[in-house]
PDB file of N, CA and C in Angstrom:
ATOM      1  N   MET A   1       0.787  -1.211  -0.113  1.00  0.00           N
ATOM      2  CA  MET A   1      -0.073   0.082  -0.126  1.00  0.00           C
ATOM      3  C   MET A   1       0.835   1.226   0.056  1.00  0.00           C
ATOM      4  N   THR A   2       0.791   1.915  -1.052  1.00  0.00           N
ATOM      5  CA  THR A   2       1.633   3.212  -1.151  1.00  0.00           C
ATOM      6  C   THR A   2       0.391   4.588  -0.223  1.00  0.00           C
ATOM      7  N   VAL A   3       1.348   4.790   0.152  1.00  0.00           N
ATOM      8  CA  VAL A   3       0.664   6.176   0.966  1.00  0.00           C
ATOM      9  C   VAL A   3       1.428   7.454   0.526  1.00  0.00           C
ATOM     10  N   GLU A   4       0.336   8.350   0.016  1.00  0.00           N
ATOM     11  CA  GLU A   4       0.790  10.545   0.030  1.00  0.00           C
ATOM     12  C   GLU A   4       0.024  11.048   0.863  1.00  0.00           C
ATOM     13  N   VAL A   5       0.571  12.093   1.560  1.00  0.00           N
ATOM     14  CA  VAL A   5       0.109  12.850   2.653  1.00  0.00           C
ATOM     15  C   VAL A   5       0.360  14.137   2.070  1.00  0.00           C
ATOM     16  N   ARG A   6      -0.429  15.042   1.705  1.00  0.00           N
ATOM     17  CA  ARG A   6      -0.077  16.165   1.191  1.00  0.00           C
ATOM     18  C   ARG A   6      -0.877  17.011   1.158  1.00  0.00           C
ATOM     19  N   GLY A   7      -0.353  18.897   0.974  1.00  0.00           N
ATOM     20  CA  GLY A   7      -1.301  19.960   1.278  1.00  0.00           C
ATOM     21  C   GLY A   7      -1.696  20.562   0.100  1.00  0.00           C
ATOM     22  N   THR A   8      -2.999  21.317   0.080  1.00  0.00           N
ATOM     23  CA  THR A   8      -2.790  22.003  -1.323  1.00  0.00           C
ATOM     24  C   THR A   8      -3.766  23.629  -1.184  1.00  0.00           C
ATOM     25  N   HIS A   9      -3.423  24.355  -1.936  1.00  0.00           N
ATOM     26  CA  HIS A   9      -3.917  26.030  -1.704  1.00  0.00           C
ATOM     27  C   HIS A   9      -2.830  26.177  -0.718  1.00  0.00           C
ATOM     28  N   GLY A  10      -1.268  26.225  -0.791  1.00  0.00           N
ATOM     29  CA  GLY A  10      -0.459  26.716   0.106  1.00  0.00           C
ATOM     30  C   GLY A  10      -0.458  26.282   1.340  1.00  0.00           C
ATOM     31  N   TYR A  11      -1.259  25.393   1.878  1.00  0.00           N
ATOM     32  CA  TYR A  11      -1.234  24.329   3.255  1.00  0.00           C
ATOM     33  C   TYR A  11      -0.455  23.503   2.866  1.00  0.00           C
ATOM     34  N   SER A  12       0.697  23.727   3.682  1.00  0.00           N
ATOM     35  CA  SER A  12       1.557  22.223   3.951  1.00  0.00           C
ATOM     36  C   SER A  12       1.873  21.619   5.510  1.00  0.00           C
ATOM     37  N   PRO A  13       1.297  20.243   5.182  1.00  0.00           N
ATOM     38  CA  PRO A  13       1.003  19.229   6.946  1.00  0.00           C
ATOM     39  C   PRO A  13       2.652  19.082   7.140  1.00  0.00           C
ATOM     40  N   SER A  14       2.788  19.958   8.898  1.00  0.00           N
ATOM     41  CA  SER A  14       3.885  19.840   9.357  1.00  0.00           C
ATOM     42  C   SER A  14       4.488  18.489   9.995  1.00  0.00           C
ATOM     43  N   GLU A  15       5.787  18.123  10.070  1.00  0.00           N
ATOM     44  CA  GLU A  15       6.134  16.819  10.896  1.00  0.00           C
ATOM     45  C   GLU A  15       5.265  15.999  11.565  1.00  0.00           C
ATOM     46  N   THR A  16       4.430  16.923  12.719  1.00  0.00           N
ATOM     47  CA  THR A  16       4.108  16.389  13.459  1.00  0.00           C
ATOM     48  C   THR A  16       2.202  15.792  13.162  1.00  0.00           C
ATOM     49  N   THR A  17       2.241  16.555  11.770  1.00  0.00           N
ATOM     50  CA  THR A  17       0.954  15.913  11.474  1.00  0.00           C
ATOM     51  C   THR A  17       1.413  14.713  10.740  1.00  0.00           C
ATOM     52  N   GLN A  18       2.337  14.701   9.891  1.00  0.00           N
ATOM     53  CA  GLN A  18       2.861  13.517   9.034  1.00  0.00           C
ATOM     54  C   GLN A  18       2.933  12.396   9.810  1.00  0.00           C
ATOM     55  N   GLU A  19       3.363  12.710  11.161  1.00  0.00           N
ATOM     56  CA  GLU A  19       3.520  11.444  11.832  1.00  0.00           C
ATOM     57  C   GLU A  19       2.303  11.119  13.022  1.00  0.00           C
ATOM     58  N   TYR A  20       1.139  11.962  13.164  1.00  0.00           N
ATOM     59  CA  TYR A  20      -0.080  11.224  12.945  1.00  0.00           C
ATOM     60  C   TYR A  20      -0.679  10.740  12.609  1.00  0.00           C
ATOM     61  N   VAL A  21      -0.467  11.161  11.283  1.00  0.00           N
ATOM     62  CA  VAL A  21      -0.935  10.664  10.179  1.00  0.00           C
ATOM     63  C   VAL A  21      -0.855   9.090  10.031  1.00  0.00           C
ATOM     64  N   ASP A  22       0.901   8.247  10.009  1.00  0.00           N
ATOM     65  CA  ASP A  22       1.327   7.599   9.954  1.00  0.00           C
ATOM     66  C   ASP A  22       1.268   6.713  11.261  1.00  0.00           C
ATOM     67  N   LYS A  23       1.359   7.148  12.217  1.00  0.00           N
ATOM     68  CA  LYS A  23       0.533   6.485  13.580  1.00  0.00           C
ATOM     69  C   LYS A  23      -0.809   6.123  13.649  1.00  0.00           C
ATOM     70  N   LYS A  24      -1.957   6.590  12.795  1.00  0.00           N
ATOM     71  CA  LYS A  24      -3.214   6.373  12.603  1.00  0.00           C
ATOM     72  C   LYS A  24      -3.085   5.048  11.558  1.00  0.00           C
ATOM     73  N   LEU A  25      -2.405   5.449  10.442  1.00  0.00           N
ATOM     74  CA  LEU A  25      -2.382   4.254   9.760  1.00  0.00           C
ATOM     75  C   LEU A  25      -2.162   2.831  10.338  1.00  0.00           C
ATOM     76  N   ALA A  26      -1.755   2.719  10.992  1.00  0.00           N
ATOM     77  CA  ALA A  26      -1.158   1.328  11.681  1.00  0.00           C
ATOM     78  C   ALA A  26      -2.142   0.508  11.397  1.00  0.00           C
ATOM     79  N   ARG A  27      -3.333   0.894  11.783  1.00  0.00           N
ATOM     80  CA  ARG A  27      -4.445   0.122  11.968  1.00  0.00           C
ATOM     81  C   ARG A  27      -5.035  -0.507  10.350  1.00  0.00           C
ATOM     82  N   PHE A  28      -4.274   0.015   9.583  1.00  0.00           N
ATOM     83  CA  PHE A  28      -4.526  -0.694   8.099  1.00  0.00           C
ATOM     84  C   PHE A  28      -3.767  -1.398   8.117  1.00  0.00           C
ATOM     85  N   ASP A  29      -2.804  -2.118   8.732  1.00  0.00           N
ATOM     86  CA  ASP A  29      -1.807  -3.033   8.294  1.00  0.00           C
ATOM     87  C   ASP A  29      -2.820  -4.184   8.364  1.00  0.00           C
ATOM     88  N   HIS A  30      -3.351  -4.642   8.595  1.00  0.00           N
ATOM     89  CA  HIS A  30      -4.629  -5.874   8.036  1.00  0.00           C
ATOM     90  C   HIS A  30      -5.482  -5.659   6.408  1.00  0.00           C
ATOM     91  N   VAL A  31      -5.371  -4.744   6.194  1.00  0.00           N
ATOM     92  CA  VAL A  31      -5.897  -4.570   4.690  1.00  0.00           C
ATOM     93  C   VAL A  31      -4.733  -4.269   3.825  1.00  0.00           C
ATOM     94  N   LYS A  32      -3.629  -3.723   4.147  1.00  0.00           N
ATOM     95  CA  LYS A  32      -2.492  -3.048   3.034  1.00  0.00           C
ATOM     96  C   LYS A  32      -2.756  -4.185   1.815  1.00  0.00           C
ATOM     97  N   ASP A  33      -3.279  -5.229   1.905  1.00  0.00           N
ATOM     98  CA  ASP A  33      -2.768  -6.304   0.347  1.00  0.00           C
ATOM     99  C   ASP A  33      -3.644  -5.635  -0.418  1.00  0.00           C
ATOM    100  N   GLN A  34      -5.657  -5.470  -0.136  1.00  0.00           N
ATOM    101  CA  GLN A  34      -6.295  -4.999  -0.879  1.00  0.00           C
ATOM    102  C   GLN A  34      -5.989  -3.339  -1.044  1.00  0.00           C
ATOM    103  N   VAL A  35      -5.540  -2.731  -0.378  1.00  0.00           N
ATOM    104  CA  VAL A  35      -5.767  -1.458  -1.017  1.00  0.00           C
ATOM    105  C   VAL A  35      -4.036  -1.243  -1.624  1.00  0.00           C
ATOM    106  N   ALA A  36      -4.239  -0.695  -2.924  1.00  0.00           N
ATOM    107  CA  ALA A  36      -3.248  -0.380  -3.565  1.00  0.00           C
ATOM    108  C   ALA A  36      -2.074   0.785  -3.391  1.00  0.00           C
ATOM    109  N   ASP A  37      -3.175   2.261  -3.450  1.00  0.00           N
ATOM    110  CA  ASP A  37      -3.084   3.618  -3.396  1.00  0.00           C
ATOM    111  C   ASP A  37      -3.827   4.183  -2.101  1.00  0.00           C
ATOM    112  N   LEU A  38      -2.974   5.271  -1.407  1.00  0.00           N
ATOM    113  CA  LEU A  38      -4.215   5.971  -0.440  1.00  0.00           C
ATOM    114  C   LEU A  38      -3.418   7.440  -0.237  1.00  0.00           C
ATOM    115  N   HIS A  39      -3.997   8.214  -1.103  1.00  0.00           N
ATOM    116  CA  HIS A  39      -3.651   9.454  -1.061  1.00  0.00           C
ATOM    117  C   HIS A  39      -4.663  10.732  -0.323  1.00  0.00           C
ATOM    118  N   ILE A  40      -3.929  10.822   0.878  1.00  0.00           N
ATOM    119  CA  ILE A  40      -4.292  12.320   1.859  1.00  0.00           C
ATOM    120  C   ILE A  40      -4.325  13.322   1.155  1.00  0.00           C
ATOM    121  N   VAL A  41      -5.022  14.203   1.106  1.00  0.00           N
ATOM    122  CA  VAL A  41      -4.893  15.499   0.550  1.00  0.00           C
ATOM    123  C   VAL A  41      -5.671  16.649   1.966  1.00  0.00           C
ATOM    124  N   LEU A  42      -4.452  17.425   2.653  1.00  0.00           N
ATOM    125  CA  LEU A  42      -5.192  18.201   3.887  1.00  0.00           C
ATOM    126  C   LEU A  42      -5.160  19.794   2.705  1.00  0.00           C
ATOM    127  N   ASP A  43      -6.184  20.762   3.591  1.00  0.00           N
ATOM    128  CA  ASP A  43      -6.404  21.880   2.968  1.00  0.00           C
ATOM    129  C   ASP A  43      -7.151  22.810   4.474  1.00  0.00           C
ATOM    130  N   LYS A  44      -6.554  23.866   4.152  1.00  0.00           N
ATOM    131  CA  LYS A  44      -7.260  24.726   5.534  1.00  0.00           C
ATOM    132  C   LYS A  44      -7.995  26.339   4.629  1.00  0.00           C
ATOM    133  N   GLU A  45      -9.195  25.339   4.779  1.00  0.00           N
ATOM    134  CA  GLU A  45      -9.946  26.986   4.424  1.00  0.00           C
ATOM    135  C   GLU A  45      -9.844  28.401   5.101  1.00  0.00           C
ATOM    136  N   THR A  46     -10.020  29.291   4.134  1.00  0.00           N
ATOM    137  CA  THR A  46     -10.212  31.027   5.325  1.00  0.00           C
ATOM    138  C   THR A  46     -10.850  30.816   6.342  1.00  0.00           C
ATOM    139  N   SER A  47     -11.921  30.517   6.522  1.00  0.00           N
ATOM    140  CA  SER A  47     -12.480  30.426   7.084  1.00  0.00           C
ATOM    141  C   SER A  47     -12.223  29.587   8.830  1.00  0.00           C
ATOM    142  N   GLY A  48     -10.768  28.846   8.330  1.00  0.00           N
ATOM    143  CA  GLY A  48     -10.413  28.264   9.685  1.00  0.00           C
ATOM    144  C   GLY A  48     -10.596  26.776   9.877  1.00  0.00           C
ATOM    145  N   GLU A  49     -11.609  26.302   9.062  1.00  0.00           N
ATOM    146  CA  GLU A  49     -12.139  24.705   8.845  1.00  0.00           C
ATOM    147  C   GLU A  49     -10.548  23.897   8.142  1.00  0.00           C
ATOM    148  N   TYR A  50     -10.458  23.417   8.473  1.00  0.00           N
ATOM    149  CA  TYR A  50      -9.664  21.998   7.642  1.00  0.00           C
ATOM    150  C   TYR A  50     -10.342  20.868   6.937  1.00  0.00           C
ATOM    151  N   ILE A  51      -9.911  20.633   6.002  1.00  0.00           N
ATOM    152  CA  ILE A  51     -10.546  19.624   4.856  1.00  0.00           C
ATOM    153  C   ILE A  51      -9.476  18.630   4.682  1.00  0.00           C
ATOM    154  N   ALA A  52     -10.109  17.582   4.931  1.00  0.00           N
ATOM    155  CA  ALA A  52      -9.207  16.191   5.260  1.00  0.00           C
ATOM    156  C   ALA A  52     -10.027  15.229   3.761  1.00  0.00           C
ATOM    157  N   GLU A  53      -8.897  15.228   2.957  1.00  0.00           N
ATOM    158  CA  GLU A  53     -10.006  14.392   1.634  1.00  0.00           C
ATOM    159  C   GLU A  53      -9.331  13.044   1.418  1.00  0.00           C
ATOM    160  N   ALA A  54      -9.583  11.950   1.275  1.00  0.00           N
ATOM    161  CA  ALA A  54      -8.852  10.676   0.716  1.00  0.00           C
ATOM    162  C   ALA A  54      -9.246   9.759  -0.856  1.00  0.00           C
ATOM    163  N   THR A  55      -8.979   9.756  -1.332  1.00  0.00           N
ATOM    164  CA  THR A  55      -8.853   8.836  -2.910  1.00  0.00           C
ATOM    165  C   THR A  55      -8.336   7.886  -2.619  1.00  0.00           C
ATOM    166  N   ILE A  56      -9.101   6.810  -2.521  1.00  0.00           N
ATOM    167  CA  ILE A  56      -8.576   5.226  -2.166  1.00  0.00           C
ATOM    168  C   ILE A  56      -8.837   4.147  -3.567  1.00  0.00           C
ATOM    169  N   HIS A  57      -7.430   3.894  -3.812  1.00  0.00           N
ATOM    170  CA  HIS A  57      -7.675   2.886  -4.940  1.00  0.00           C
ATOM    171  C   HIS A  57      -7.204   1.216  -5.075  1.00  0.00           C
ATOM    172  N   PHE A  58      -8.469   0.308  -5.092  1.00  0.00           N
ATOM    173  CA  PHE A  58      -7.990  -0.750  -4.392  1.00  0.00           C
ATOM    174  C   PHE A  58      -7.270  -1.512  -5.678  1.00  0.00           C
ATOM    175  N   ARG A  59      -7.054  -2.870  -5.174  1.00  0.00           N
ATOM    176  CA  ARG A  59      -6.353  -3.595  -6.281  1.00  0.00           C
ATOM    177  C   ARG A  59      -7.238  -3.856  -7.257  1.00  0.00           C
ATOM    178  N   TRP A  60      -8.359  -4.264  -6.960  1.00  0.00           N
ATOM    179  CA  TRP A  60      -8.999  -4.992  -7.877  1.00  0.00           C
ATOM    180  C   TRP A  60      -9.711  -4.237  -8.986  1.00  0.00           C
ATOM    181  N   GLY A  61      -9.103  -2.565  -9.124  1.00  0.00           N
ATOM    182  CA  GLY A  61      -9.645  -1.628  -9.906  1.00  0.00           C
ATOM    183  C   GLY A  61     -10.705  -0.334  -9.481  1.00  0.00           C
ATOM    184  N   THR A  62     -11.298  -0.620  -8.569  1.00  0.00           N
ATOM    185  CA  THR A  62     -11.999   0.150  -8.078  1.00  0.00           C
ATOM    186  C   THR A  62     -11.700   1.389  -6.738  1.00  0.00           C
ATOM    187  N   MET A  63     -12.439   2.528  -6.896  1.00  0.00           N
ATOM    188  CA  MET A  63     -11.497   3.102  -6.364  1.00  0.00           C
ATOM    189  C   MET A  63     -12.814   3.915  -5.435  1.00  0.00           C
ATOM    190  N   GLY A  64     -12.287   5.139  -4.282  1.00  0.00           N
ATOM    191  CA  GLY A  64     -13.256   5.785  -3.804  1.00  0.00           C
ATOM    192  C   GLY A  64     -12.672   7.105  -3.356  1.00  0.00           C
ATOM    193  N   HIS A  65     -13.589   7.819  -2.996  1.00  0.00           N
ATOM    194  CA  HIS A  65     -13.415   9.456  -2.007  1.00  0.00           C
ATOM    195  C   HIS A  65     -14.140   9.161  -1.433  1.00  0.00           C
ATOM    196  N   LEU A  66     -13.339  10.157  -0.708  1.00  0.00           N
ATOM    197  CA  LEU A  66     -13.931  10.500   0.769  1.00  0.00           C
ATOM    198  C   LEU A  66     -13.456  11.547   0.942  1.00  0.00           C
ATOM    199  N   LYS A  67     -14.334  12.858   1.888  1.00  0.00           N
ATOM    200  CA  LYS A  67     -13.942  14.062   2.432  1.00  0.00           C
ATOM    201  C   LYS A  67     -14.718  14.071   3.444  1.00  0.00           C
ATOM    202  N   VAL A  68     -14.143  15.120   4.181  1.00  0.00           N
ATOM    203  CA  VAL A  68     -14.026  15.322   5.854  1.00  0.00           C
ATOM    204  C   VAL A  68     -13.961  16.855   6.312  1.00  0.00           C
ATOM    205  N   THR A  69     -14.846  17.941   6.890  1.00  0.00           N
ATOM    206  CA  THR A  69     -14.777  18.676   6.839  1.00  0.00           C
ATOM    207  C   THR A  69     -14.489  19.683   8.600  1.00  0.00           C
ATOM    208  N   ASP A  70     -13.736  20.095   9.245  1.00  0.00           N
ATOM    209  CA  ASP A  70     -13.901  19.925  10.572  1.00  0.00           C
ATOM    210  C   ASP A  70     -12.698  20.914  11.044  1.00  0.00           C
ATOM    211  N   ARG A  71     -13.203  21.636  12.048  1.00  0.00           N
ATOM    212  CA  ARG A  71     -12.304  23.113  12.880  1.00  0.00           C
ATOM    213  C   ARG A  71     -11.430  22.572  13.294  1.00  0.00           C
ATOM    214  N   ASN A  72     -10.900  21.576  13.462  1.00  0.00           N
ATOM    215  CA  ASN A  72     -10.001  20.641  13.904  1.00  0.00           C
ATOM    216  C   ASN A  72      -9.192  19.661  13.048  1.00  0.00           C
ATOM    217  N   LEU A  73      -7.779  19.872  13.230  1.00  0.00           N
ATOM    218  CA  LEU A  73      -7.459  19.063  11.476  1.00  0.00           C
ATOM    219  C   LEU A  73      -7.689  17.827  11.970  1.00  0.00           C
ATOM    220  N   TYR A  74      -7.037  17.386  13.693  1.00  0.00           N
ATOM    221  CA  TYR A  74      -6.330  15.698  13.745  1.00  0.00           C
ATOM    222  C   TYR A  74      -7.832  15.189  13.863  1.00  0.00           C
ATOM    223  N   LYS A  75      -8.636  16.030  14.341  1.00  0.00           N
ATOM    224  CA  LYS A  75     -10.379  15.403  14.842  1.00  0.00           C
ATOM    225  C   LYS A  75     -10.587  14.841  13.138  1.00  0.00           C
ATOM    226  N   ALA A  76     -10.496  16.312  12.016  1.00  0.00           N
ATOM    227  CA  ALA A  76     -11.393  15.647  10.623  1.00  0.00           C
ATOM    228  C   ALA A  76     -10.038  14.316  10.150  1.00  0.00           C
ATOM    229  N   ILE A  77      -8.790  14.331  10.613  1.00  0.00           N
ATOM    230  CA  ILE A  77      -8.044  13.078  10.070  1.00  0.00           C
ATOM    231  C   ILE A  77      -8.796  11.600  10.885  1.00  0.00           C
ATOM    232  N   ASP A  78      -9.073  11.910  11.801  1.00  0.00           N
ATOM    233  CA  ASP A  78     -10.079  10.644  12.343  1.00  0.00           C
ATOM    234  C   ASP A  78     -11.274  10.540  12.194  1.00  0.00           C
ATOM    235  N   GLN A  79     -11.516  11.432  11.714  1.00  0.00           N
ATOM    236  CA  GLN A  79     -12.842  11.110  11.145  1.00  0.00           C
ATOM    237  C   GLN A  79     -12.823  10.352   9.632  1.00  0.00           C
ATOM    238  N   LEU A  80     -11.264  10.663   8.725  1.00  0.00           N
ATOM    239  CA  LEU A  80     -11.883  10.470   7.607  1.00  0.00           C
ATOM    240  C   LEU A  80     -10.959   9.124   7.501  1.00  0.00           C
ATOM    241  N   LEU A  81     -10.044   8.839   8.120  1.00  0.00           N
ATOM    242  CA  LEU A  81      -9.879   7.577   8.513  1.00  0.00           C
ATOM    243  C   LEU A  81     -10.637   6.247   9.117  1.00  0.00           C
ATOM    244  N   ASP A  82     -11.744   6.688   9.684  1.00  0.00           N
ATOM    245  CA  ASP A  82     -13.083   6.183  10.383  1.00  0.00           C
ATOM    246  C   ASP A  82     -13.163   5.770   9.255  1.00  0.00           C
ATOM    247  N   LYS A  83     -13.726   6.893   8.186  1.00  0.00           N
ATOM    248  CA  LYS A  83     -14.644   6.426   6.944  1.00  0.00           C
ATOM    249  C   LYS A  83     -13.547   6.237   6.114  1.00  0.00           C
ATOM    250  N   THR A  84     -12.576   5.945   6.050  1.00  0.00           N
ATOM    251  CA  THR A  84     -11.521   5.229   4.749  1.00  0.00           C
ATOM    252  C   THR A  84     -11.681   3.569   5.173  1.00  0.00           C
ATOM    253  N   MET A  85     -11.279   3.294   6.573  1.00  0.00           N
ATOM    254  CA  MET A  85     -11.744   1.920   7.335  1.00  0.00           C
ATOM    255  C   MET A  85     -13.325   1.280   6.231  1.00  0.00           C
ATOM    256  N   THR A  86     -14.120   1.740   7.079  1.00  0.00           N
ATOM    257  CA  THR A  86     -15.421   1.644   6.363  1.00  0.00           C
ATOM    258  C   THR A  86     -15.795   1.344   5.075  1.00  0.00           C
ATOM    259  N   LYS A  87     -15.237   2.538   4.216  1.00  0.00           N
ATOM    260  CA  LYS A  87     -15.117   2.237   2.689  1.00  0.00           C
ATOM    261  C   LYS A  87     -14.131   1.120   2.486  1.00  0.00           C
ATOM    262  N   VAL A  88     -13.357   0.600   3.418  1.00  0.00           N
ATOM    263  CA  VAL A  88     -12.288  -0.804   2.992  1.00  0.00           C
ATOM    264  C   VAL A  88     -12.827  -1.965   3.186  1.00  0.00           C
ATOM    265  N   ASN A  89     -13.530  -2.268   4.290  1.00  0.00           N
ATOM    266  CA  ASN A  89     -14.355  -3.148   4.567  1.00  0.00           C
ATOM    267  C   ASN A  89     -15.762  -3.246   3.603  1.00  0.00           C
ATOM    268  N   LYS A  90     -16.189  -2.512   3.453  1.00  0.00           N
ATOM    269  CA  LYS A  90     -17.316  -2.711   2.188  1.00  0.00           C
ATOM    270  C   LYS A  90     -16.909  -3.210   0.983  1.00  0.00           C
ATOM    271  N   GLU A  91     -16.256  -2.467   0.470  1.00  0.00           N
ATOM    272  CA  GLU A  91     -15.321  -3.086  -0.576  1.00  0.00           C
ATOM    273  C   GLU A  91     -14.875  -4.448  -0.257  1.00  0.00           C
ATOM    274  N   LYS A  92     -14.491  -4.716   0.477  1.00  0.00           N
ATOM    275  CA  LYS A  92     -13.828  -6.337   0.986  1.00  0.00           C
ATOM    276  C   LYS A  92     -14.697  -6.696   0.897  1.00  0.00           C
ATOM    277  N   ASP A  93     -16.112  -6.812   1.586  1.00  0.00           N
ATOM    278  CA  ASP A  93     -17.010  -7.675   1.519  1.00  0.00           C
ATOM    279  C   ASP A  93     -17.682  -8.103   0.226  1.00  0.00           C
ATOM    280  N   LYS A  94     -17.763  -6.814  -0.852  1.00  0.00           N
ATOM    281  CA  LYS A  94     -18.085  -7.064  -2.007  1.00  0.00           C
ATOM    282  C   LYS A  94     -17.517  -8.113  -3.308  1.00  0.00           C
ATOM    283  N   VAL A  95     -16.427  -7.514  -2.563  1.00  0.00           N
ATOM    284  CA  VAL A  95     -15.710  -8.943  -3.498  1.00  0.00           C
ATOM    285  C   VAL A  95     -15.283 -10.371  -3.598  1.00  0.00           C
ATOM    286  N   LYS A  96     -15.363 -10.441  -1.553  1.00  0.00           N
ATOM    287  CA  LYS A  96     -15.925 -11.808  -1.238  1.00  0.00           C
ATOM    288  C   LYS A  96     -16.721 -12.333  -1.948  1.00  0.00           C
ATOM    289  N   ASP A  97     -18.243 -11.597  -1.712  1.00  0.00           N
ATOM    290  CA  ASP A  97     -19.434 -12.122  -2.329  1.00  0.00           C
ATOM    291  C   ASP A  97     -19.530 -12.319  -3.779  1.00  0.00           C
ATOM    292  N   HIS A  98     -18.392 -12.070  -4.337  1.00  0.00           N
ATOM    293  CA  HIS A  98     -18.419 -12.522  -5.717  1.00  0.00           C
ATOM    294  C   HIS A  98     -17.348 -13.407  -6.224  1.00  0.00           C
TER     295      HIS A  98
END
């Protein structure tokens, strides 16, 4: 599983933020064989809200895009990774059923 974390529109994730994401991604170890790429994009709006987006590409060719907005960056990352894990589990179940 290839993971990329980057910022957009002039926002650059700090070293601490990168380490936080890496620590949270440890819970994806059991599904890393199903996920080919995970791209996480972080952005800060002028209103002070953070936008966390993830694009996930599965080994069998499907992909998903998830987006979360919150005033707290780390809360947004947590919510995004929760949604991503739910998406991975749903896709894994779909493949198993066929």
